[in-house]
Amino acid sequence: MSIHLTAGQRAALQAKLELRRDELDRRIALHQQGLSRAEHASEVLNQDGDDAPQRDADREIDLALSDQELAELGDVSRALRRLNEPGFGLCVDCGGVIPYDRLQVEPQALRCVDCAGRTGVARRG
C-alpha cells in the first residue's frame, strides 16, 4: 500500500470511486435503455427519419457522450483495482506523490498536476 495515504484516506477514495462507478453505470444504462452500443446508435439514427442530417449530428453527439462515460467508467474501475497496490497515488511519469487533495478531486488520477500538464492529459489522469 502507498505509505503517503492513510487507511482513512484510502477508504474515502474507495467510497468516492465506488459512488462514481455506480453513478456512471446508472447513467449508461439509462442512456442506452438496455440496448447494446450498436443497437442504441441504430435507434437514435432511426428516430424521426425525416430530418436525417440532424439525426446524424444527434447520433454523433450521443455516441460521443456514451464513449466519454464508458472511458471514465474504465478509468474508475482500474483505479478501484489499483487502490491497495503499492503504486496507487504515485505519478506514473515521475514517480512522485500525487497529493491527496488532487486524488480527492480525481481519485482515478495517474499523474501529478505537473506531469498531467506536460502530457496534456489533465482530465484523463
N, C-alpha and C. Protein backbone atom coordinates (compact mmCIF):
# COMPACT_ATOMS: atom_id res chain seq x y z
N MET A 1 0.83 -1.19 0.00
CA MET A 1 0.00 0.00 0.00
C MET A 1 0.87 1.24 0.00
N SER A 2 0.33 2.27 -0.58
CA SER A 2 1.06 3.53 -0.64
C SER A 2 1.15 4.14 0.75
N ILE A 3 2.36 4.47 1.19
CA ILE A 3 2.56 4.97 2.55
C ILE A 3 2.08 6.39 2.75
N HIS A 4 1.95 7.14 1.70
CA HIS A 4 1.53 8.53 1.89
C HIS A 4 0.03 8.68 2.11
N LEU A 5 -0.73 7.62 1.93
CA LEU A 5 -2.16 7.66 2.17
C LEU A 5 -2.51 6.85 3.41
N THR A 6 -3.28 7.44 4.30
CA THR A 6 -3.71 6.71 5.48
C THR A 6 -4.83 5.74 5.11
N ALA A 7 -5.13 4.83 6.01
CA ALA A 7 -6.23 3.89 5.77
C ALA A 7 -7.54 4.66 5.59
N GLY A 8 -7.73 5.71 6.36
CA GLY A 8 -8.94 6.52 6.23
C GLY A 8 -9.03 7.22 4.89
N GLN A 9 -7.90 7.72 4.41
CA GLN A 9 -7.89 8.39 3.11
C GLN A 9 -8.19 7.39 2.00
N ARG A 10 -7.59 6.20 2.09
CA ARG A 10 -7.86 5.17 1.08
C ARG A 10 -9.34 4.78 1.11
N ALA A 11 -9.90 4.66 2.30
CA ALA A 11 -11.32 4.30 2.42
C ALA A 11 -12.20 5.39 1.81
N ALA A 12 -11.86 6.64 2.04
CA ALA A 12 -12.64 7.76 1.47
C ALA A 12 -12.54 7.75 -0.05
N LEU A 13 -11.34 7.49 -0.58
CA LEU A 13 -11.17 7.44 -2.04
C LEU A 13 -11.94 6.25 -2.62
N GLN A 14 -11.91 5.13 -1.93
CA GLN A 14 -12.64 3.96 -2.40
C GLN A 14 -14.14 4.25 -2.45
N ALA A 15 -14.66 4.88 -1.42
CA ALA A 15 -16.09 5.22 -1.39
C ALA A 15 -16.44 6.16 -2.53
N LYS A 16 -15.57 7.13 -2.77
CA LYS A 16 -15.81 8.10 -3.84
C LYS A 16 -15.78 7.40 -5.21
N LEU A 17 -14.82 6.52 -5.41
CA LEU A 17 -14.72 5.79 -6.67
C LEU A 17 -15.93 4.87 -6.87
N GLU A 18 -16.33 4.18 -5.83
CA GLU A 18 -17.48 3.28 -5.95
C GLU A 18 -18.76 4.05 -6.25
N LEU A 19 -18.92 5.21 -5.62
CA LEU A 19 -20.07 6.06 -5.88
C LEU A 19 -20.08 6.53 -7.34
N ARG A 20 -18.93 6.95 -7.83
CA ARG A 20 -18.83 7.40 -9.22
C ARG A 20 -19.08 6.25 -10.20
N ARG A 21 -18.54 5.06 -9.88
CA ARG A 21 -18.77 3.89 -10.73
C ARG A 21 -20.26 3.58 -10.81
N ASP A 22 -20.93 3.59 -9.66
CA ASP A 22 -22.36 3.29 -9.65
C ASP A 22 -23.16 4.34 -10.42
N GLU A 23 -22.78 5.60 -10.27
CA GLU A 23 -23.45 6.68 -10.99
C GLU A 23 -23.26 6.52 -12.50
N LEU A 24 -22.05 6.21 -12.92
CA LEU A 24 -21.80 6.02 -14.35
C LEU A 24 -22.55 4.80 -14.88
N ASP A 25 -22.58 3.73 -14.11
CA ASP A 25 -23.35 2.54 -14.53
C ASP A 25 -24.81 2.90 -14.75
N ARG A 26 -25.39 3.66 -13.81
CA ARG A 26 -26.80 4.07 -13.94
C ARG A 26 -27.01 4.96 -15.16
N ARG A 27 -26.10 5.93 -15.34
CA ARG A 27 -26.25 6.86 -16.47
C ARG A 27 -26.14 6.13 -17.80
N ILE A 28 -25.20 5.21 -17.90
CA ILE A 28 -25.02 4.47 -19.15
C ILE A 28 -26.24 3.59 -19.42
N ALA A 29 -26.73 2.91 -18.39
CA ALA A 29 -27.91 2.06 -18.56
C ALA A 29 -29.13 2.88 -18.97
N LEU A 30 -29.32 4.02 -18.33
CA LEU A 30 -30.44 4.89 -18.66
C LEU A 30 -30.29 5.45 -20.07
N HIS A 31 -29.09 5.88 -20.38
CA HIS A 31 -28.80 6.48 -21.68
C HIS A 31 -29.04 5.49 -22.82
N GLN A 32 -28.61 4.26 -22.62
CA GLN A 32 -28.73 3.27 -23.70
C GLN A 32 -30.00 2.44 -23.61
N GLN A 33 -30.77 2.66 -22.56
CA GLN A 33 -32.06 1.99 -22.38
C GLN A 33 -31.95 0.47 -22.53
N GLY A 34 -30.89 -0.11 -21.99
CA GLY A 34 -30.71 -1.55 -22.02
C GLY A 34 -30.24 -2.11 -23.35
N LEU A 35 -29.96 -1.26 -24.31
CA LEU A 35 -29.51 -1.71 -25.62
C LEU A 35 -27.99 -1.76 -25.68
N SER A 36 -27.46 -2.54 -26.60
CA SER A 36 -26.03 -2.51 -26.84
C SER A 36 -25.69 -1.16 -27.48
N ARG A 37 -24.41 -0.83 -27.52
CA ARG A 37 -23.99 0.44 -28.12
C ARG A 37 -24.45 0.55 -29.57
N ALA A 38 -24.29 -0.53 -30.34
CA ALA A 38 -24.70 -0.53 -31.75
C ALA A 38 -26.22 -0.40 -31.89
N GLU A 39 -26.96 -1.13 -31.04
CA GLU A 39 -28.41 -1.04 -31.10
C GLU A 39 -28.88 0.37 -30.73
N HIS A 40 -28.25 0.95 -29.73
CA HIS A 40 -28.61 2.31 -29.31
C HIS A 40 -28.33 3.31 -30.44
N ALA A 41 -27.19 3.18 -31.10
CA ALA A 41 -26.85 4.08 -32.21
C ALA A 41 -27.88 3.95 -33.33
N SER A 42 -28.27 2.73 -33.63
CA SER A 42 -29.27 2.49 -34.67
C SER A 42 -30.61 3.10 -34.27
N GLU A 43 -30.97 2.96 -33.01
CA GLU A 43 -32.22 3.53 -32.50
C GLU A 43 -32.23 5.05 -32.67
N VAL A 44 -31.14 5.70 -32.30
CA VAL A 44 -31.04 7.16 -32.43
C VAL A 44 -31.13 7.54 -33.90
N LEU A 45 -30.46 6.81 -34.76
CA LEU A 45 -30.45 7.12 -36.19
C LEU A 45 -31.84 6.97 -36.80
N ASN A 46 -32.57 5.98 -36.35
CA ASN A 46 -33.88 5.70 -36.94
C ASN A 46 -35.00 6.58 -36.42
N GLN A 47 -34.77 7.34 -35.39
CA GLN A 47 -35.81 8.22 -34.87
C GLN A 47 -36.05 9.37 -35.85
N ASP A 48 -37.29 9.68 -36.08
CA ASP A 48 -37.67 10.81 -36.93
C ASP A 48 -36.85 10.85 -38.22
N GLY A 49 -37.02 9.86 -39.06
CA GLY A 49 -36.25 9.74 -40.28
C GLY A 49 -36.33 10.93 -41.23
N ASP A 50 -37.31 11.83 -41.06
CA ASP A 50 -37.45 12.97 -41.97
C ASP A 50 -36.26 13.90 -41.94
N ASP A 51 -35.67 14.07 -40.80
CA ASP A 51 -34.58 15.03 -40.68
C ASP A 51 -33.24 14.31 -40.47
N ALA A 52 -32.89 13.48 -41.43
CA ALA A 52 -31.69 12.65 -41.34
C ALA A 52 -30.42 13.43 -41.04
N PRO A 53 -30.19 14.58 -41.68
CA PRO A 53 -28.95 15.31 -41.35
C PRO A 53 -28.87 15.71 -39.88
N GLN A 54 -29.99 16.15 -39.31
CA GLN A 54 -30.00 16.49 -37.89
C GLN A 54 -29.80 15.25 -37.04
N ARG A 55 -30.38 14.14 -37.44
CA ARG A 55 -30.23 12.88 -36.70
C ARG A 55 -28.78 12.42 -36.69
N ASP A 56 -28.08 12.63 -37.80
CA ASP A 56 -26.66 12.25 -37.85
C ASP A 56 -25.87 13.01 -36.79
N ALA A 57 -26.14 14.30 -36.69
CA ALA A 57 -25.45 15.12 -35.68
C ALA A 57 -25.83 14.68 -34.27
N ASP A 58 -27.12 14.40 -34.06
CA ASP A 58 -27.58 13.94 -32.75
C ASP A 58 -26.92 12.61 -32.38
N ARG A 59 -26.82 11.72 -33.36
CA ARG A 59 -26.21 10.42 -33.11
C ARG A 59 -24.74 10.57 -32.75
N GLU A 60 -24.03 11.44 -33.44
CA GLU A 60 -22.61 11.65 -33.16
C GLU A 60 -22.41 12.20 -31.75
N ILE A 61 -23.25 13.15 -31.36
CA ILE A 61 -23.17 13.71 -30.01
C ILE A 61 -23.51 12.64 -28.99
N ASP A 62 -24.55 11.90 -29.25
CA ASP A 62 -24.99 10.83 -28.35
C ASP A 62 -23.89 9.79 -28.16
N LEU A 63 -23.28 9.37 -29.24
CA LEU A 63 -22.21 8.37 -29.16
C LEU A 63 -20.96 8.93 -28.48
N ALA A 64 -20.66 10.19 -28.71
CA ALA A 64 -19.50 10.80 -28.06
C ALA A 64 -19.71 10.85 -26.55
N LEU A 65 -20.92 11.19 -26.11
CA LEU A 65 -21.21 11.19 -24.67
C LEU A 65 -21.10 9.79 -24.10
N SER A 66 -21.63 8.81 -24.81
CA SER A 66 -21.53 7.42 -24.36
C SER A 66 -20.07 6.99 -24.26
N ASP A 67 -19.28 7.33 -25.27
CA ASP A 67 -17.86 6.97 -25.26
C ASP A 67 -17.14 7.61 -24.08
N GLN A 68 -17.47 8.86 -23.80
CA GLN A 68 -16.84 9.57 -22.69
C GLN A 68 -17.20 8.91 -21.36
N GLU A 69 -18.46 8.56 -21.18
CA GLU A 69 -18.89 7.90 -19.95
C GLU A 69 -18.24 6.53 -19.81
N LEU A 70 -18.16 5.78 -20.90
CA LEU A 70 -17.53 4.46 -20.86
C LEU A 70 -16.04 4.56 -20.55
N ALA A 71 -15.37 5.55 -21.11
CA ALA A 71 -13.95 5.74 -20.83
C ALA A 71 -13.73 6.09 -19.36
N GLU A 72 -14.57 6.97 -18.83
CA GLU A 72 -14.44 7.33 -17.41
C GLU A 72 -14.74 6.12 -16.52
N LEU A 73 -15.72 5.33 -16.90
CA LEU A 73 -16.04 4.13 -16.13
C LEU A 73 -14.84 3.18 -16.10
N GLY A 74 -14.16 3.05 -17.22
CA GLY A 74 -12.95 2.23 -17.26
C GLY A 74 -11.86 2.77 -16.36
N ASP A 75 -11.67 4.09 -16.38
CA ASP A 75 -10.66 4.73 -15.52
C ASP A 75 -10.98 4.50 -14.04
N VAL A 76 -12.25 4.65 -13.69
CA VAL A 76 -12.68 4.47 -12.30
C VAL A 76 -12.51 3.01 -11.87
N SER A 77 -12.89 2.09 -12.74
CA SER A 77 -12.75 0.67 -12.41
C SER A 77 -11.29 0.27 -12.22
N ARG A 78 -10.42 0.79 -13.09
CA ARG A 78 -8.99 0.48 -12.94
C ARG A 78 -8.44 1.08 -11.64
N ALA A 79 -8.89 2.27 -11.29
CA ALA A 79 -8.44 2.91 -10.04
C ALA A 79 -8.87 2.08 -8.84
N LEU A 80 -10.07 1.54 -8.87
CA LEU A 80 -10.53 0.70 -7.76
C LEU A 80 -9.66 -0.55 -7.63
N ARG A 81 -9.25 -1.12 -8.75
CA ARG A 81 -8.38 -2.30 -8.69
C ARG A 81 -6.99 -1.96 -8.17
N ARG A 82 -6.51 -0.74 -8.47
CA ARG A 82 -5.16 -0.32 -8.06
C ARG A 82 -5.10 0.23 -6.63
N LEU A 83 -6.24 0.53 -6.07
CA LEU A 83 -6.31 1.29 -4.82
C LEU A 83 -5.39 0.77 -3.73
N ASN A 84 -5.27 -0.51 -3.55
CA ASN A 84 -4.44 -1.06 -2.48
C ASN A 84 -3.09 -1.59 -2.97
N GLU A 85 -2.74 -1.25 -4.19
CA GLU A 85 -1.42 -1.62 -4.70
C GLU A 85 -0.40 -0.57 -4.27
N PRO A 86 0.87 -0.96 -4.20
CA PRO A 86 1.91 -0.03 -3.72
C PRO A 86 2.02 1.26 -4.53
N GLY A 87 1.74 1.23 -5.81
CA GLY A 87 1.93 2.42 -6.64
C GLY A 87 0.75 3.36 -6.68
N PHE A 88 -0.36 3.02 -6.02
CA PHE A 88 -1.52 3.91 -6.08
C PHE A 88 -1.17 5.24 -5.43
N GLY A 89 -1.48 6.31 -6.12
CA GLY A 89 -1.20 7.65 -5.61
C GLY A 89 0.18 8.15 -5.96
N LEU A 90 0.91 7.38 -6.77
CA LEU A 90 2.21 7.82 -7.26
C LEU A 90 2.09 8.09 -8.76
N CYS A 91 2.70 9.15 -9.20
CA CYS A 91 2.64 9.56 -10.60
C CYS A 91 3.31 8.50 -11.47
N VAL A 92 2.62 8.08 -12.53
CA VAL A 92 3.18 7.06 -13.43
C VAL A 92 4.33 7.60 -14.26
N ASP A 93 4.46 8.92 -14.36
CA ASP A 93 5.55 9.50 -15.14
C ASP A 93 6.79 9.78 -14.30
N CYS A 94 6.62 10.54 -13.22
CA CYS A 94 7.79 10.96 -12.44
C CYS A 94 7.99 10.16 -11.16
N GLY A 95 6.99 9.38 -10.77
CA GLY A 95 7.09 8.58 -9.54
C GLY A 95 6.82 9.38 -8.28
N GLY A 96 6.55 10.66 -8.41
CA GLY A 96 6.27 11.49 -7.24
C GLY A 96 4.88 11.23 -6.68
N VAL A 97 4.68 11.70 -5.47
CA VAL A 97 3.40 11.54 -4.80
C VAL A 97 2.35 12.45 -5.43
N ILE A 98 1.20 11.89 -5.72
CA ILE A 98 0.05 12.70 -6.14
C ILE A 98 -0.62 13.14 -4.85
N PRO A 99 -0.69 14.43 -4.61
CA PRO A 99 -1.26 14.90 -3.34
C PRO A 99 -2.69 14.41 -3.12
N TYR A 100 -3.01 14.16 -1.87
CA TYR A 100 -4.35 13.69 -1.51
C TYR A 100 -5.42 14.67 -2.00
N ASP A 101 -5.15 15.95 -1.95
CA ASP A 101 -6.12 16.95 -2.42
C ASP A 101 -6.48 16.70 -3.89
N ARG A 102 -5.49 16.35 -4.71
CA ARG A 102 -5.77 16.04 -6.13
C ARG A 102 -6.57 14.76 -6.23
N LEU A 103 -6.21 13.76 -5.45
CA LEU A 103 -6.92 12.48 -5.50
C LEU A 103 -8.36 12.63 -5.02
N GLN A 104 -8.62 13.56 -4.12
CA GLN A 104 -9.99 13.80 -3.69
C GLN A 104 -10.84 14.32 -4.85
N VAL A 105 -10.23 15.15 -5.69
CA VAL A 105 -10.94 15.71 -6.83
C VAL A 105 -11.07 14.69 -7.95
N GLU A 106 -10.00 13.95 -8.18
CA GLU A 106 -9.97 12.96 -9.27
C GLU A 106 -9.23 11.71 -8.78
N PRO A 107 -9.95 10.85 -8.04
CA PRO A 107 -9.29 9.69 -7.43
C PRO A 107 -8.68 8.71 -8.42
N GLN A 108 -9.07 8.78 -9.68
CA GLN A 108 -8.50 7.90 -10.70
C GLN A 108 -7.26 8.49 -11.36
N ALA A 109 -6.80 9.64 -10.86
CA ALA A 109 -5.64 10.31 -11.46
C ALA A 109 -4.42 9.40 -11.45
N LEU A 110 -3.72 9.39 -12.57
CA LEU A 110 -2.48 8.61 -12.71
C LEU A 110 -1.24 9.49 -12.63
N ARG A 111 -1.44 10.80 -12.78
CA ARG A 111 -0.30 11.71 -12.86
C ARG A 111 -0.46 12.87 -11.89
N CYS A 112 0.67 13.38 -11.43
CA CYS A 112 0.65 14.61 -10.65
C CYS A 112 0.25 15.75 -11.57
N VAL A 113 -0.07 16.89 -11.03
CA VAL A 113 -0.54 18.02 -11.84
C VAL A 113 0.53 18.44 -12.84
N ASP A 114 1.80 18.50 -12.41
CA ASP A 114 2.86 18.93 -13.33
C ASP A 114 2.97 18.00 -14.53
N CYS A 115 3.02 16.69 -14.29
CA CYS A 115 3.15 15.74 -15.41
C CYS A 115 1.90 15.70 -16.27
N ALA A 116 0.73 15.81 -15.66
CA ALA A 116 -0.51 15.84 -16.44
C ALA A 116 -0.52 17.06 -17.35
N GLY A 117 -0.05 18.18 -16.85
CA GLY A 117 0.01 19.39 -17.66
C GLY A 117 1.00 19.27 -18.81
N ARG A 118 2.14 18.61 -18.56
CA ARG A 118 3.13 18.43 -19.62
C ARG A 118 2.66 17.48 -20.70
N THR A 119 1.92 16.45 -20.32
CA THR A 119 1.48 15.46 -21.31
C THR A 119 0.14 15.80 -21.92
N GLY A 120 -0.53 16.82 -21.36
CA GLY A 120 -1.82 17.22 -21.91
C GLY A 120 -2.94 16.25 -21.59
N VAL A 121 -2.82 15.49 -20.52
CA VAL A 121 -3.86 14.53 -20.15
C VAL A 121 -4.45 14.86 -18.78
N ALA A 122 -4.60 16.12 -18.50
CA ALA A 122 -5.09 16.52 -17.19
C ALA A 122 -6.45 15.91 -16.85
N ARG A 123 -7.34 15.75 -17.79
CA ARG A 123 -8.65 15.22 -17.48
C ARG A 123 -8.69 13.70 -17.49
N ARG A 124 -7.75 13.04 -18.09
CA ARG A 124 -7.80 11.57 -18.13
C ARG A 124 -6.76 10.97 -17.21
N GLY A 125 -6.35 11.67 -16.21
CA GLY A 125 -5.45 11.07 -15.23
C GLY A 125 -4.19 11.80 -15.18
